[in-house]
Amino acid sequence: MISYLQGKIILKKDKFIILEVNNIGYKVFLSRQTLSRLGRGSSIPSESGLRLPEIESAINPVRNSPPTGPSGAQTPLEVIESQSNSVKNKSLTGHSAGEISNGVKVFIYHDIKEDKSDLYGFLTYEELEFFETLNDIRGIGPKAALEISVVGPLEKIKDKILKQDENVFAGIPGIGQKRAMTIILELTGKIKQLGQKTASADEAENALVQLGFSKQQAKQALENIPSNIKNTEERIKLSLKYLGK
């Protein structure tokens, strides 16, 4: 089962992206909000209109050619290589969220059924966790849960649900006022439990950071702890064991 992917976006559509990881393309469904946070465009062209593969192929025929430009001017090779470097740099900085040095990273919910296998992506583990809570409610499919989970800042959504504000789901296809209240009633207790679990995770994470581990190391270790273990001290001990200490 896939739980995390890191790669570059090679295609972007209204509801999903194709994420290339080790030369394999994964179709990952994203919410509308997440897609907008990732920026526009499925691939990044150069200023001349050439894309990276076209620039690389253009460089090869002239790579061994003697300079032809006038003194002080760029040769054709230098112009093309300059465009290539510009595009490569843009490809690493073109996304405002979920970005790392060599692409995009997403946490994955892998929905496996008899007739299909779908991937749903999230920029933070908290968004994924909330999605899973929504998806557990009877009558909410993964696509509706995906839209609900990121209609706004996560804490704001939780706060509105705890206040039983049915308007929190306004604009979500297929969810009217009556259905919204049913969902809110089912979610209230689960969100309180989720909040307790998050608080415990935060305490354990802070303790690991104080012991000299990075936040990323702490989060990764805690994500490998069984969910039924709630005690903070026990979670820290198991995390240290995972980290080899």
Protein backbone atom coordinates (compact mmCIF):
# COMPACT_ATOMS: atom_id res chain seq x y z
CA MET A 1 0.00 0.00 0.00
CA ILE A 2 1.31 3.44 -0.96
CA SER A 3 1.37 6.04 1.86
CA TYR A 4 3.78 8.72 0.59
CA LEU A 5 5.12 9.91 -2.76
CA GLN A 6 7.84 12.36 -3.70
CA GLY A 7 8.46 13.43 -7.28
CA LYS A 8 7.69 16.01 -9.94
CA ILE A 9 4.38 16.93 -11.54
CA ILE A 10 4.35 16.11 -15.24
CA LEU A 11 0.62 16.68 -15.85
CA LYS A 12 -2.04 18.63 -14.02
CA LYS A 13 -5.80 18.37 -14.57
CA ASP A 14 -8.89 19.74 -12.81
CA LYS A 15 -9.08 16.90 -10.27
CA PHE A 16 -5.72 15.13 -10.32
CA ILE A 17 -2.04 15.28 -11.15
CA ILE A 18 0.37 12.78 -12.65
CA LEU A 19 3.34 12.57 -10.32
CA GLU A 20 6.52 11.08 -11.73
CA VAL A 21 8.50 9.07 -9.18
CA ASN A 22 11.54 7.11 -10.37
CA ASN A 23 10.28 7.22 -13.98
CA ILE A 24 6.85 5.88 -12.99
CA GLY A 25 3.74 8.08 -13.27
CA TYR A 26 1.15 7.99 -10.47
CA LYS A 27 -2.33 9.44 -10.87
CA VAL A 28 -3.07 11.28 -7.63
CA PHE A 29 -6.46 12.89 -6.92
CA LEU A 30 -6.22 16.26 -5.14
CA SER A 31 -8.78 18.69 -3.80
CA ARG A 32 -9.46 21.90 -5.70
CA GLN A 33 -7.77 23.89 -2.95
CA THR A 34 -4.65 21.74 -3.01
CA LEU A 35 -4.43 21.99 -6.79
CA SER A 36 -4.58 25.78 -6.57
CA ARG A 37 -1.88 25.78 -3.88
CA LEU A 38 0.41 23.84 -6.19
CA GLY A 39 0.37 26.64 -8.75
CA ARG A 40 -0.73 26.67 -12.37
CA GLY A 41 0.32 24.65 -15.39
CA SER A 42 1.13 20.99 -15.94
CA SER A 43 4.69 21.64 -17.03
CA ILE A 44 6.91 24.71 -17.19
CA PRO A 45 7.95 25.99 -20.63
CA SER A 46 10.98 28.12 -21.29
CA GLU A 47 10.71 31.73 -22.42
CA SER A 48 11.29 30.58 -25.98
CA GLY A 49 8.42 28.08 -25.77
CA LEU A 50 10.69 25.02 -25.70
CA ARG A 51 10.20 22.43 -22.97
CA LEU A 52 13.05 20.68 -21.22
CA PRO A 53 13.27 17.60 -23.53
CA GLU A 54 13.20 19.88 -26.60
CA ILE A 55 15.93 22.11 -25.19
CA GLU A 56 18.15 19.11 -24.39
CA SER A 57 17.71 17.76 -27.94
CA ALA A 58 18.46 21.20 -29.36
CA ILE A 59 21.68 21.44 -27.37
CA ASN A 60 23.20 18.20 -28.67
CA PRO A 61 23.52 19.11 -32.39
CA VAL A 62 25.31 22.39 -31.59
CA ARG A 63 27.36 21.25 -28.62
CA ASN A 64 30.43 20.50 -30.76
CA SER A 65 29.95 23.38 -33.18
CA PRO A 66 32.46 26.28 -33.12
CA PRO A 67 31.25 29.61 -31.71
CA THR A 68 29.58 31.76 -34.38
CA GLY A 69 28.47 34.82 -32.46
CA PRO A 70 30.26 38.17 -32.69
CA SER A 71 32.75 39.17 -30.05
CA GLY A 72 31.07 39.66 -26.69
CA ALA A 73 27.78 38.05 -27.86
CA GLN A 74 26.39 34.69 -26.81
CA THR A 75 26.82 31.79 -29.20
CA PRO A 76 23.77 29.66 -30.09
CA LEU A 77 24.98 27.01 -27.63
CA GLU A 78 25.24 29.53 -24.82
CA VAL A 79 21.75 30.90 -25.54
CA ILE A 80 20.17 27.43 -25.50
CA GLU A 81 22.04 26.33 -22.37
CA SER A 82 21.02 29.57 -20.65
CA GLN A 83 17.36 28.83 -21.48
CA SER A 84 17.76 25.27 -20.24
CA ASN A 85 19.23 26.38 -16.90
CA SER A 86 16.46 28.95 -16.50
CA VAL A 87 13.75 26.33 -17.05
CA LYS A 88 15.39 23.84 -14.68
CA ASN A 89 15.57 26.46 -11.96
CA LYS A 90 11.91 27.36 -12.49
CA SER A 91 10.90 23.72 -12.26
CA LEU A 92 12.34 23.61 -8.73
CA THR A 93 10.70 26.81 -7.52
CA GLY A 94 7.38 26.90 -9.39
CA HIS A 95 5.24 25.47 -6.56
CA SER A 96 4.33 27.34 -3.41
CA ALA A 97 3.31 24.36 -1.25
CA GLY A 98 4.42 20.81 -0.61
CA GLU A 99 7.72 21.50 -2.32
CA ILE A 100 11.17 20.08 -1.67
CA SER A 101 14.45 20.46 -3.54
CA ASN A 102 13.59 18.03 -6.31
CA GLY A 103 9.80 18.22 -6.59
CA VAL A 104 6.54 17.80 -4.70
CA LYS A 105 5.81 15.56 -1.74
CA VAL A 106 2.34 14.26 -0.87
CA PHE A 107 0.94 11.99 1.81
CA ILE A 108 -1.25 9.33 0.21
CA TYR A 109 -4.50 7.61 1.04
CA HIS A 110 -4.56 4.44 -1.07
CA ASP A 111 -8.17 3.45 -1.77
CA ILE A 112 -8.13 -0.19 -2.88
CA LYS A 113 -11.30 -1.87 -4.09
CA GLU A 114 -12.03 -4.98 -6.15
CA ASP A 115 -12.38 -3.05 -9.41
CA LYS A 116 -10.04 -0.08 -8.88
CA SER A 117 -7.13 1.37 -6.96
CA ASP A 118 -7.10 5.16 -6.44
CA LEU A 119 -4.58 7.48 -4.80
CA TYR A 120 -5.63 10.63 -2.90
CA GLY A 121 -2.94 13.18 -2.06
CA PHE A 122 -2.44 15.66 0.81
CA LEU A 123 0.26 18.22 1.50
CA THR A 124 0.23 17.60 5.26
CA TYR A 125 -0.26 14.52 7.40
CA GLU A 126 -2.93 16.36 9.41
CA GLU A 127 -5.04 16.81 6.25
CA LEU A 128 -4.70 13.10 5.49
CA GLU A 129 -5.70 12.16 9.03
CA PHE A 130 -8.80 14.36 8.89
CA PHE A 131 -9.68 12.91 5.48
CA GLU A 132 -9.53 9.38 6.94
CA THR A 133 -11.86 10.45 9.76
CA LEU A 134 -14.35 11.83 7.23
CA ASN A 135 -14.06 8.80 4.97
CA ASP A 136 -15.03 6.51 7.87
CA ILE A 137 -18.47 8.11 8.07
CA ARG A 138 -21.17 6.08 6.33
CA GLY A 139 -22.38 7.71 3.13
CA ILE A 140 -19.30 9.85 2.50
CA GLY A 141 -17.14 8.57 -0.32
CA PRO A 142 -13.45 9.42 -0.69
CA LYS A 143 -14.08 12.09 -3.33
CA ALA A 144 -16.52 14.01 -1.10
CA ALA A 145 -14.22 13.51 1.89
CA LEU A 146 -11.36 14.94 -0.17
CA GLU A 147 -13.24 18.17 -0.84
CA ILE A 148 -14.55 18.47 2.73
CA SER A 149 -11.14 17.91 4.31
CA VAL A 150 -9.59 21.03 2.79
CA VAL A 151 -12.42 23.55 2.33
CA GLY A 152 -10.50 25.88 4.63
CA PRO A 153 -7.88 25.93 7.38
CA LEU A 154 -8.09 22.62 9.23
CA GLU A 155 -8.53 24.10 12.71
CA LYS A 156 -11.28 26.40 11.43
CA ILE A 157 -13.17 23.43 9.96
CA LYS A 158 -12.89 21.49 13.23
CA ASP A 159 -14.02 24.52 15.23
CA LYS A 160 -17.12 24.99 13.04
CA ILE A 161 -17.99 21.30 13.33
CA LEU A 162 -17.72 21.42 17.12
CA LYS A 163 -20.03 24.46 17.03
CA GLN A 164 -22.42 22.46 14.80
CA ASP A 165 -22.29 25.03 11.99
CA GLU A 166 -23.76 23.27 8.96
CA ASN A 167 -22.47 26.04 6.68
CA VAL A 168 -18.99 24.53 6.96
CA PHE A 169 -19.94 22.19 4.10
CA ALA A 170 -21.59 24.83 1.92
CA GLY A 171 -20.64 24.40 -1.71
CA ILE A 172 -19.64 20.74 -1.43
CA PRO A 173 -21.50 18.81 -4.18
CA GLY A 174 -24.05 16.33 -2.84
CA ILE A 175 -24.13 17.65 0.73
CA GLY A 176 -27.23 19.62 1.66
CA GLN A 177 -28.14 21.14 5.02
CA LYS A 178 -29.77 17.97 6.39
CA ARG A 179 -26.87 15.76 5.34
CA ALA A 180 -24.41 18.31 6.72
CA MET A 181 -25.97 18.14 10.19
CA THR A 182 -25.84 14.34 10.15
CA ILE A 183 -22.15 14.45 9.28
CA ILE A 184 -21.47 17.07 11.98
CA LEU A 185 -23.14 14.96 14.65
CA GLU A 186 -21.06 11.93 13.68
CA LEU A 187 -17.86 13.96 13.47
CA THR A 188 -18.09 15.80 16.79
CA GLY A 189 -16.88 12.93 18.99
CA LYS A 190 -14.29 11.80 16.45
CA ILE A 191 -12.75 15.27 16.21
CA LYS A 192 -12.39 15.44 20.00
CA GLN A 193 -10.56 12.10 19.93
CA LEU A 194 -8.44 13.30 17.03
CA GLY A 195 -7.55 16.43 18.99
CA GLN A 196 -6.42 14.36 21.98
CA LYS A 197 -4.29 12.16 19.74
CA THR A 198 -2.75 15.23 18.05
CA ALA A 199 -1.93 16.79 21.42
CA SER A 200 -0.19 13.58 22.48
CA ALA A 201 1.73 13.47 19.20
CA ASP A 202 2.81 17.11 19.66
CA GLU A 203 4.13 16.41 23.17
CA ALA A 204 6.09 13.39 21.94
CA GLU A 205 7.41 15.31 18.94
CA ASN A 206 8.60 18.20 21.10
CA ALA A 207 10.35 15.78 23.44
CA LEU A 208 12.19 14.11 20.54
CA VAL A 209 13.25 17.49 19.14
CA GLN A 210 14.65 18.43 22.56
CA LEU A 211 16.66 15.21 22.46
CA GLY A 212 18.38 16.44 19.30
CA PHE A 213 16.28 14.95 16.50
CA SER A 214 14.89 17.07 13.66
CA LYS A 215 11.14 17.65 13.38
CA GLN A 216 11.07 15.52 10.25
CA GLN A 217 12.78 12.62 12.04
CA ALA A 218 10.40 12.96 14.99
CA LYS A 219 7.30 13.00 12.77
CA GLN A 220 8.49 10.01 10.76
CA ALA A 221 9.20 8.01 13.90
CA LEU A 222 5.81 8.85 15.46
CA GLU A 223 3.98 7.91 12.27
CA ASN A 224 5.36 4.39 12.67
CA ILE A 225 3.90 3.99 16.16
CA PRO A 226 0.67 1.91 16.30
CA SER A 227 -2.36 4.18 16.64
CA ASN A 228 -3.68 2.28 19.67
CA ILE A 229 -0.70 3.46 21.77
CA LYS A 230 -1.82 6.75 23.34
CA ASN A 231 0.58 7.17 26.26
CA THR A 232 3.10 9.92 25.46
CA GLU A 233 5.96 8.31 27.38
CA GLU A 234 5.43 4.99 25.61
CA ARG A 235 5.30 6.74 22.23
CA ILE A 236 8.61 8.45 22.95
CA LYS A 237 10.23 5.15 23.95
CA LEU A 238 9.05 3.42 20.78
CA SER A 239 10.14 6.39 18.67
CA LEU A 240 13.63 6.24 20.16
CA LYS A 241 13.73 2.53 19.39
CA TYR A 242 12.72 3.28 15.79
CA LEU A 243 15.40 5.97 15.56
CA GLY A 244 18.01 3.54 16.82
CA LYS A 245 18.63 5.13 20.21
